[in-house]
Amino acid sequence: MLETPHVIVGAAIATKVVNPALALPLAFGSHFILERVPHWNPHLNTEKNKFGKITVVSTKIVILDVVLSLVGGFYIASRVLPDTGRFITILAACILAALPDLIEGPYFFLNMKSKLIERWIAFQKSLQVDTGIFTGLLTQLITVIATFWWILG
């Protein structure tokens, strides 16, 4: 799954569950639940194995996704200002919701190989429910829209 739905759902959890001791583990756990939703994302592991690096197209998709994630996460967090404690909790939830994917970044983009990360990638891949690009992006768009509706409603 792209990072944007993970981040938005993590932010929503921290918005609705104000106790950080509950919100932060729930945001982290949401990552693994969302991986079970049929989705599409660039197949970084396949590209790395096939070409030895990530393609330019996939890199651009990742950059756009990261920008959207940052904008969405900061927007949701900014809605609770001037309560800086909740603001920080929401941002932490955003990071935790995306963390299982973020720790793979150095492997894919900086060529930092590690058996531990390779096992982690295999574990994550075992959870994912991949589908075609149209259906996979649609499910993620619906997830983001439904999550904003939950937050703003």
N, C-alpha and C. Protein backbone atom coordinates (compact mmCIF):
# COMPACT_ATOMS: atom_id res chain seq x y z
N MET A 1 0.86 -1.17 0.00
CA MET A 1 0.00 0.00 0.00
C MET A 1 0.90 1.23 0.00
N LEU A 2 0.43 2.26 -0.66
CA LEU A 2 1.16 3.52 -0.64
C LEU A 2 1.20 4.06 0.79
N GLU A 3 2.09 5.00 1.05
CA GLU A 3 2.23 5.54 2.41
C GLU A 3 1.08 6.46 2.79
N THR A 4 0.50 7.15 1.81
CA THR A 4 -0.54 8.12 2.13
C THR A 4 -1.69 7.51 2.93
N PRO A 5 -2.29 6.39 2.50
CA PRO A 5 -3.37 5.83 3.32
C PRO A 5 -2.90 5.42 4.72
N HIS A 6 -1.69 4.88 4.83
CA HIS A 6 -1.17 4.51 6.15
C HIS A 6 -1.10 5.75 7.05
N VAL A 7 -0.53 6.82 6.54
CA VAL A 7 -0.35 8.04 7.32
C VAL A 7 -1.69 8.65 7.70
N ILE A 8 -2.61 8.73 6.76
CA ILE A 8 -3.91 9.34 7.03
C ILE A 8 -4.68 8.53 8.08
N VAL A 9 -4.65 7.21 7.97
CA VAL A 9 -5.33 6.37 8.96
C VAL A 9 -4.66 6.51 10.33
N GLY A 10 -3.33 6.53 10.36
CA GLY A 10 -2.63 6.72 11.63
C GLY A 10 -2.99 8.05 12.27
N ALA A 11 -3.05 9.10 11.47
CA ALA A 11 -3.43 10.42 11.99
C ALA A 11 -4.86 10.40 12.50
N ALA A 12 -5.74 9.73 11.79
CA ALA A 12 -7.15 9.66 12.20
C ALA A 12 -7.29 8.94 13.54
N ILE A 13 -6.55 7.87 13.69
CA ILE A 13 -6.60 7.12 14.95
C ILE A 13 -6.19 8.02 16.11
N ALA A 14 -5.09 8.75 15.94
CA ALA A 14 -4.61 9.63 17.01
C ALA A 14 -5.54 10.83 17.21
N THR A 15 -6.29 11.20 16.19
CA THR A 15 -7.26 12.28 16.33
C THR A 15 -8.44 11.82 17.17
N LYS A 16 -8.88 10.60 16.94
CA LYS A 16 -10.07 10.08 17.62
C LYS A 16 -9.75 9.41 18.96
N VAL A 17 -8.58 8.83 19.08
CA VAL A 17 -8.16 8.18 20.33
C VAL A 17 -7.12 9.10 20.96
N VAL A 18 -7.55 9.91 21.89
CA VAL A 18 -6.67 10.98 22.39
C VAL A 18 -5.60 10.49 23.36
N ASN A 19 -5.74 9.30 23.91
CA ASN A 19 -4.73 8.77 24.82
C ASN A 19 -3.57 8.22 23.98
N PRO A 20 -2.38 8.86 24.06
CA PRO A 20 -1.25 8.40 23.25
C PRO A 20 -0.86 6.94 23.52
N ALA A 21 -1.04 6.47 24.74
CA ALA A 21 -0.68 5.09 25.08
C ALA A 21 -1.53 4.09 24.30
N LEU A 22 -2.71 4.49 23.88
CA LEU A 22 -3.57 3.66 23.03
C LEU A 22 -3.40 4.01 21.56
N ALA A 23 -3.38 5.30 21.28
CA ALA A 23 -3.37 5.76 19.88
C ALA A 23 -2.13 5.31 19.12
N LEU A 24 -0.98 5.39 19.75
CA LEU A 24 0.27 5.08 19.03
C LEU A 24 0.40 3.60 18.66
N PRO A 25 0.13 2.67 19.59
CA PRO A 25 0.17 1.26 19.16
C PRO A 25 -0.92 0.93 18.14
N LEU A 26 -2.09 1.55 18.28
CA LEU A 26 -3.15 1.32 17.29
C LEU A 26 -2.74 1.82 15.91
N ALA A 27 -2.09 2.97 15.87
CA ALA A 27 -1.62 3.50 14.59
C ALA A 27 -0.60 2.56 13.96
N PHE A 28 0.32 2.07 14.77
CA PHE A 28 1.32 1.11 14.27
C PHE A 28 0.63 -0.16 13.76
N GLY A 29 -0.28 -0.69 14.53
CA GLY A 29 -0.99 -1.91 14.15
C GLY A 29 -1.84 -1.74 12.91
N SER A 30 -2.33 -0.52 12.70
CA SER A 30 -3.17 -0.27 11.52
C SER A 30 -2.41 -0.55 10.22
N HIS A 31 -1.10 -0.40 10.27
CA HIS A 31 -0.30 -0.66 9.07
C HIS A 31 -0.54 -2.08 8.56
N PHE A 32 -0.49 -3.03 9.46
CA PHE A 32 -0.60 -4.43 9.08
C PHE A 32 -2.02 -4.80 8.65
N ILE A 33 -2.99 -4.15 9.25
CA ILE A 33 -4.39 -4.37 8.83
C ILE A 33 -4.60 -3.82 7.42
N LEU A 34 -4.09 -2.63 7.16
CA LEU A 34 -4.26 -2.03 5.82
C LEU A 34 -3.55 -2.84 4.74
N GLU A 35 -2.50 -3.54 5.09
CA GLU A 35 -1.81 -4.37 4.09
C GLU A 35 -2.71 -5.48 3.57
N ARG A 36 -3.74 -5.83 4.33
CA ARG A 36 -4.67 -6.88 3.92
C ARG A 36 -5.77 -6.35 2.99
N VAL A 37 -5.88 -5.04 2.84
CA VAL A 37 -6.82 -4.45 1.89
C VAL A 37 -6.21 -4.58 0.50
N PRO A 38 -6.95 -5.10 -0.48
CA PRO A 38 -6.39 -5.18 -1.83
C PRO A 38 -5.92 -3.81 -2.30
N HIS A 39 -4.69 -3.75 -2.77
CA HIS A 39 -4.11 -2.46 -3.14
C HIS A 39 -3.03 -2.65 -4.20
N TRP A 40 -2.60 -1.51 -4.74
CA TRP A 40 -1.50 -1.49 -5.70
C TRP A 40 -0.45 -0.53 -5.19
N ASN A 41 0.79 -0.87 -5.41
CA ASN A 41 1.91 0.04 -5.18
C ASN A 41 3.05 -0.43 -6.07
N PRO A 42 4.03 0.44 -6.30
CA PRO A 42 5.18 0.00 -7.09
C PRO A 42 5.82 -1.22 -6.43
N HIS A 43 6.24 -2.16 -7.23
CA HIS A 43 6.85 -3.39 -6.71
C HIS A 43 8.36 -3.19 -6.60
N LEU A 44 8.74 -2.50 -5.54
CA LEU A 44 10.14 -2.13 -5.35
C LEU A 44 11.05 -3.34 -5.25
N ASN A 45 10.60 -4.38 -4.55
CA ASN A 45 11.44 -5.56 -4.39
C ASN A 45 11.67 -6.25 -5.73
N THR A 46 10.63 -6.35 -6.53
CA THR A 46 10.76 -6.96 -7.86
C THR A 46 11.73 -6.16 -8.72
N GLU A 47 11.59 -4.82 -8.70
CA GLU A 47 12.48 -3.96 -9.48
C GLU A 47 13.92 -4.09 -9.00
N LYS A 48 14.10 -4.12 -7.69
CA LYS A 48 15.46 -4.23 -7.13
C LYS A 48 16.11 -5.54 -7.57
N ASN A 49 15.33 -6.62 -7.53
CA ASN A 49 15.86 -7.93 -7.93
C ASN A 49 16.09 -8.02 -9.43
N LYS A 50 15.21 -7.41 -10.22
CA LYS A 50 15.29 -7.52 -11.68
C LYS A 50 16.32 -6.56 -12.29
N PHE A 51 16.32 -5.31 -11.82
CA PHE A 51 17.16 -4.28 -12.43
C PHE A 51 18.35 -3.86 -11.56
N GLY A 52 18.36 -4.30 -10.31
CA GLY A 52 19.42 -3.91 -9.39
C GLY A 52 19.17 -2.56 -8.76
N LYS A 53 18.10 -1.91 -9.13
CA LYS A 53 17.74 -0.60 -8.57
C LYS A 53 16.26 -0.35 -8.83
N ILE A 54 15.76 0.70 -8.21
CA ILE A 54 14.37 1.10 -8.39
C ILE A 54 14.27 1.97 -9.64
N THR A 55 13.24 1.76 -10.44
CA THR A 55 13.09 2.52 -11.68
C THR A 55 12.78 3.98 -11.39
N VAL A 56 13.01 4.82 -12.38
CA VAL A 56 12.73 6.25 -12.27
C VAL A 56 11.24 6.48 -12.03
N VAL A 57 10.40 5.74 -12.73
CA VAL A 57 8.94 5.91 -12.57
C VAL A 57 8.53 5.59 -11.13
N SER A 58 9.01 4.48 -10.60
CA SER A 58 8.66 4.12 -9.22
C SER A 58 9.21 5.14 -8.23
N THR A 59 10.40 5.64 -8.48
CA THR A 59 10.97 6.66 -7.60
C THR A 59 10.09 7.91 -7.59
N LYS A 60 9.61 8.32 -8.75
CA LYS A 60 8.72 9.48 -8.82
C LYS A 60 7.41 9.22 -8.08
N ILE A 61 6.87 8.01 -8.21
CA ILE A 61 5.64 7.66 -7.49
C ILE A 61 5.88 7.73 -5.98
N VAL A 62 7.01 7.20 -5.53
CA VAL A 62 7.34 7.22 -4.11
C VAL A 62 7.47 8.66 -3.61
N ILE A 63 8.14 9.51 -4.38
CA ILE A 63 8.30 10.91 -3.97
C ILE A 63 6.95 11.60 -3.86
N LEU A 64 6.09 11.42 -4.86
CA LEU A 64 4.75 12.02 -4.82
C LEU A 64 3.97 11.51 -3.61
N ASP A 65 4.05 10.22 -3.36
CA ASP A 65 3.36 9.61 -2.23
C ASP A 65 3.86 10.18 -0.91
N VAL A 66 5.16 10.35 -0.77
CA VAL A 66 5.73 10.91 0.46
C VAL A 66 5.25 12.35 0.65
N VAL A 67 5.24 13.13 -0.42
CA VAL A 67 4.77 14.52 -0.33
C VAL A 67 3.30 14.55 0.11
N LEU A 68 2.46 13.73 -0.52
CA LEU A 68 1.04 13.68 -0.13
C LEU A 68 0.88 13.24 1.32
N SER A 69 1.69 12.28 1.75
CA SER A 69 1.65 11.81 3.13
C SER A 69 1.99 12.93 4.11
N LEU A 70 3.05 13.65 3.80
CA LEU A 70 3.47 14.75 4.67
C LEU A 70 2.41 15.85 4.74
N VAL A 71 1.89 16.23 3.59
CA VAL A 71 0.85 17.27 3.55
C VAL A 71 -0.37 16.82 4.33
N GLY A 72 -0.83 15.60 4.07
CA GLY A 72 -2.02 15.08 4.76
C GLY A 72 -1.81 14.96 6.26
N GLY A 73 -0.69 14.40 6.66
CA GLY A 73 -0.41 14.23 8.08
C GLY A 73 -0.30 15.56 8.82
N PHE A 74 0.43 16.51 8.23
CA PHE A 74 0.56 17.82 8.87
C PHE A 74 -0.77 18.57 8.88
N TYR A 75 -1.57 18.41 7.84
CA TYR A 75 -2.89 19.07 7.82
C TYR A 75 -3.75 18.55 8.97
N ILE A 76 -3.83 17.24 9.10
CA ILE A 76 -4.65 16.66 10.16
C ILE A 76 -4.12 17.07 11.53
N ALA A 77 -2.82 17.00 11.72
CA ALA A 77 -2.22 17.38 13.01
C ALA A 77 -2.44 18.86 13.31
N SER A 78 -2.35 19.70 12.30
CA SER A 78 -2.49 21.15 12.53
C SER A 78 -3.89 21.53 12.99
N ARG A 79 -4.86 20.68 12.75
CA ARG A 79 -6.23 20.98 13.16
C ARG A 79 -6.40 21.00 14.68
N VAL A 80 -5.45 20.41 15.42
CA VAL A 80 -5.57 20.37 16.89
C VAL A 80 -4.75 21.48 17.56
N LEU A 81 -4.00 22.24 16.78
CA LEU A 81 -3.22 23.33 17.37
C LEU A 81 -4.18 24.35 17.97
N PRO A 82 -3.83 24.96 19.06
CA PRO A 82 -2.52 25.09 19.69
C PRO A 82 -2.16 23.98 20.68
N ASP A 83 -2.89 22.87 20.69
CA ASP A 83 -2.58 21.76 21.60
C ASP A 83 -1.36 21.01 21.05
N THR A 84 -0.17 21.45 21.45
CA THR A 84 1.06 20.87 20.89
C THR A 84 1.24 19.40 21.28
N GLY A 85 0.73 19.01 22.43
CA GLY A 85 0.84 17.61 22.83
C GLY A 85 0.09 16.69 21.87
N ARG A 86 -1.14 17.06 21.53
CA ARG A 86 -1.91 16.26 20.57
C ARG A 86 -1.30 16.36 19.18
N PHE A 87 -0.80 17.53 18.82
CA PHE A 87 -0.14 17.72 17.52
C PHE A 87 1.02 16.72 17.38
N ILE A 88 1.86 16.65 18.40
CA ILE A 88 3.01 15.74 18.37
C ILE A 88 2.54 14.28 18.36
N THR A 89 1.50 13.97 19.13
CA THR A 89 0.97 12.60 19.14
C THR A 89 0.47 12.20 17.76
N ILE A 90 -0.24 13.10 17.09
CA ILE A 90 -0.76 12.79 15.75
C ILE A 90 0.40 12.59 14.77
N LEU A 91 1.40 13.44 14.83
CA LEU A 91 2.56 13.26 13.95
C LEU A 91 3.29 11.95 14.25
N ALA A 92 3.41 11.62 15.53
CA ALA A 92 4.05 10.34 15.89
C ALA A 92 3.23 9.17 15.36
N ALA A 93 1.91 9.28 15.42
CA ALA A 93 1.04 8.22 14.89
C ALA A 93 1.22 8.09 13.39
N CYS A 94 1.39 9.21 12.70
CA CYS A 94 1.64 9.17 11.26
C CYS A 94 2.92 8.37 10.97
N ILE A 95 3.96 8.66 11.71
CA ILE A 95 5.24 7.97 11.51
C ILE A 95 5.10 6.48 11.83
N LEU A 96 4.47 6.17 12.95
CA LEU A 96 4.33 4.77 13.34
C LEU A 96 3.48 3.98 12.35
N ALA A 97 2.46 4.61 11.78
CA ALA A 97 1.60 3.92 10.82
C ALA A 97 2.37 3.58 9.54
N ALA A 98 3.37 4.37 9.21
CA ALA A 98 4.17 4.14 8.00
C ALA A 98 5.49 3.43 8.29
N LEU A 99 5.88 3.35 9.55
CA LEU A 99 7.20 2.85 9.94
C LEU A 99 7.57 1.48 9.34
N PRO A 100 6.66 0.51 9.31
CA PRO A 100 7.06 -0.77 8.73
C PRO A 100 7.55 -0.68 7.29
N ASP A 101 7.06 0.31 6.54
CA ASP A 101 7.56 0.53 5.18
C ASP A 101 8.79 1.43 5.18
N LEU A 102 8.81 2.41 6.07
CA LEU A 102 9.92 3.37 6.09
C LEU A 102 11.25 2.69 6.37
N ILE A 103 11.25 1.67 7.21
CA ILE A 103 12.52 1.01 7.53
C ILE A 103 13.10 0.25 6.34
N GLU A 104 12.29 0.07 5.30
CA GLU A 104 12.77 -0.58 4.09
C GLU A 104 13.48 0.41 3.15
N GLY A 105 13.27 1.70 3.35
CA GLY A 105 13.82 2.72 2.46
C GLY A 105 15.31 2.62 2.20
N PRO A 106 16.14 2.51 3.25
CA PRO A 106 17.58 2.41 2.99
C PRO A 106 17.96 1.20 2.13
N TYR A 107 17.25 0.11 2.28
CA TYR A 107 17.52 -1.09 1.47
C TYR A 107 17.26 -0.80 0.00
N PHE A 108 16.11 -0.21 -0.27
CA PHE A 108 15.71 0.02 -1.66
C PHE A 108 16.42 1.20 -2.32
N PHE A 109 16.60 2.28 -1.57
CA PHE A 109 17.09 3.51 -2.20
C PHE A 109 18.56 3.84 -1.91
N LEU A 110 19.13 3.27 -0.87
CA LEU A 110 20.53 3.54 -0.55
C LEU A 110 21.40 2.29 -0.67
N ASN A 111 20.80 1.21 -1.16
CA ASN A 111 21.50 -0.05 -1.39
C ASN A 111 22.15 -0.61 -0.12
N MET A 112 21.51 -0.37 1.03
CA MET A 112 22.02 -0.87 2.31
C MET A 112 21.41 -2.25 2.54
N LYS A 113 22.17 -3.27 2.21
CA LYS A 113 21.67 -4.64 2.30
C LYS A 113 21.81 -5.17 3.72
N SER A 114 20.81 -5.95 4.10
CA SER A 114 20.80 -6.54 5.43
C SER A 114 19.87 -7.75 5.39
N LYS A 115 20.34 -8.86 5.95
CA LYS A 115 19.50 -10.07 6.01
C LYS A 115 18.25 -9.81 6.84
N LEU A 116 18.38 -9.02 7.89
CA LEU A 116 17.23 -8.70 8.72
C LEU A 116 16.17 -7.95 7.91
N ILE A 117 16.60 -6.94 7.16
CA ILE A 117 15.66 -6.18 6.33
C ILE A 117 15.08 -7.07 5.24
N GLU A 118 15.87 -7.94 4.67
CA GLU A 118 15.35 -8.85 3.64
C GLU A 118 14.27 -9.76 4.22
N ARG A 119 14.46 -10.22 5.44
CA ARG A 119 13.42 -11.04 6.10
C ARG A 119 12.18 -10.20 6.39
N TRP A 120 12.41 -8.95 6.80
CA TRP A 120 11.30 -8.03 7.07
C TRP A 120 10.49 -7.79 5.80
N ILE A 121 11.17 -7.57 4.70
CA ILE A 121 10.50 -7.35 3.41
C ILE A 121 9.68 -8.59 3.03
N ALA A 122 10.24 -9.76 3.23
CA ALA A 122 9.51 -11.00 2.93
C ALA A 122 8.27 -11.13 3.81
N PHE A 123 8.40 -10.77 5.08
CA PHE A 123 7.25 -10.80 5.99
C PHE A 123 6.17 -9.84 5.51
N GLN A 124 6.57 -8.61 5.22
CA GLN A 124 5.60 -7.61 4.76
C GLN A 124 4.92 -8.07 3.47
N LYS A 125 5.71 -8.62 2.57
CA LYS A 125 5.17 -9.09 1.30
C LYS A 125 4.14 -10.20 1.53
N SER A 126 4.36 -11.03 2.54
CA SER A 126 3.42 -12.12 2.83
C SER A 126 2.07 -11.60 3.31
N LEU A 127 2.03 -10.39 3.82
CA LEU A 127 0.78 -9.80 4.30
C LEU A 127 0.00 -9.10 3.20
N GLN A 128 0.69 -8.60 2.20
CA GLN A 128 0.07 -7.74 1.20
C GLN A 128 -0.90 -8.50 0.30
N VAL A 129 -1.99 -7.81 -0.02
CA VAL A 129 -2.95 -8.32 -0.99
C VAL A 129 -2.87 -7.39 -2.19
N ASP A 130 -2.10 -7.80 -3.19
CA ASP A 130 -1.90 -6.98 -4.38
C ASP A 130 -3.05 -7.16 -5.36
N THR A 131 -3.32 -6.11 -6.10
CA THR A 131 -4.32 -6.16 -7.16
C THR A 131 -3.86 -5.23 -8.27
N GLY A 132 -4.64 -5.13 -9.33
CA GLY A 132 -4.29 -4.28 -10.45
C GLY A 132 -4.26 -2.81 -10.07
N ILE A 133 -3.66 -2.01 -10.94
CA ILE A 133 -3.46 -0.60 -10.62
C ILE A 133 -4.77 0.16 -10.41
N PHE A 134 -5.77 -0.05 -11.27
CA PHE A 134 -7.03 0.70 -11.12
C PHE A 134 -7.72 0.35 -9.81
N THR A 135 -7.96 -0.94 -9.60
CA THR A 135 -8.64 -1.38 -8.38
C THR A 135 -7.81 -1.03 -7.15
N GLY A 136 -6.51 -1.23 -7.25
CA GLY A 136 -5.63 -0.98 -6.11
C GLY A 136 -5.53 0.47 -5.70
N LEU A 137 -5.53 1.37 -6.68
CA LEU A 137 -5.53 2.80 -6.33
C LEU A 137 -6.90 3.24 -5.86
N LEU A 138 -7.95 2.65 -6.43
CA LEU A 138 -9.32 2.98 -6.02
C LEU A 138 -9.55 2.61 -4.55
N THR A 139 -9.11 1.44 -4.13
CA THR A 139 -9.29 1.05 -2.73
C THR A 139 -8.55 2.00 -1.79
N GLN A 140 -7.40 2.47 -2.22
CA GLN A 140 -6.64 3.40 -1.38
C GLN A 140 -7.29 4.78 -1.35
N LEU A 141 -7.82 5.21 -2.48
CA LEU A 141 -8.54 6.49 -2.52
C LEU A 141 -9.77 6.42 -1.62
N ILE A 142 -10.51 5.33 -1.70
CA ILE A 142 -11.68 5.16 -0.84
C ILE A 142 -11.27 5.15 0.63
N THR A 143 -10.17 4.51 0.95
CA THR A 143 -9.67 4.49 2.32
C THR A 143 -9.37 5.90 2.81
N VAL A 144 -8.69 6.69 1.99
CA VAL A 144 -8.33 8.06 2.38
C VAL A 144 -9.59 8.92 2.53
N ILE A 145 -10.51 8.83 1.57
CA ILE A 145 -11.74 9.63 1.63
C ILE A 145 -12.57 9.24 2.85
N ALA A 146 -12.73 7.94 3.09
CA ALA A 146 -13.51 7.48 4.25
C ALA A 146 -12.86 7.94 5.55
N THR A 147 -11.54 7.94 5.59
CA THR A 147 -10.84 8.35 6.80
C THR A 147 -11.01 9.84 7.05
N PHE A 148 -10.91 10.65 6.00
CA PHE A 148 -11.17 12.09 6.17
C PHE A 148 -12.61 12.33 6.59
N TRP A 149 -13.54 11.58 6.04
CA TRP A 149 -14.95 11.71 6.41
C TRP A 149 -15.11 11.41 7.90
N TRP A 150 -14.40 10.37 8.38
CA TRP A 150 -14.45 10.00 9.80
C TRP A 150 -13.87 11.12 10.67
N ILE A 151 -12.76 11.68 10.24
CA ILE A 151 -12.11 12.75 11.02
C ILE A 151 -12.97 14.01 11.04
N LEU A 152 -13.43 14.41 9.88
CA LEU A 152 -14.12 15.69 9.75
C LEU A 152 -15.60 15.62 10.08
N GLY A 153 -16.13 14.40 10.12
CA GLY A 153 -17.58 14.22 10.34
C GLY A 153 -18.00 14.34 11.77
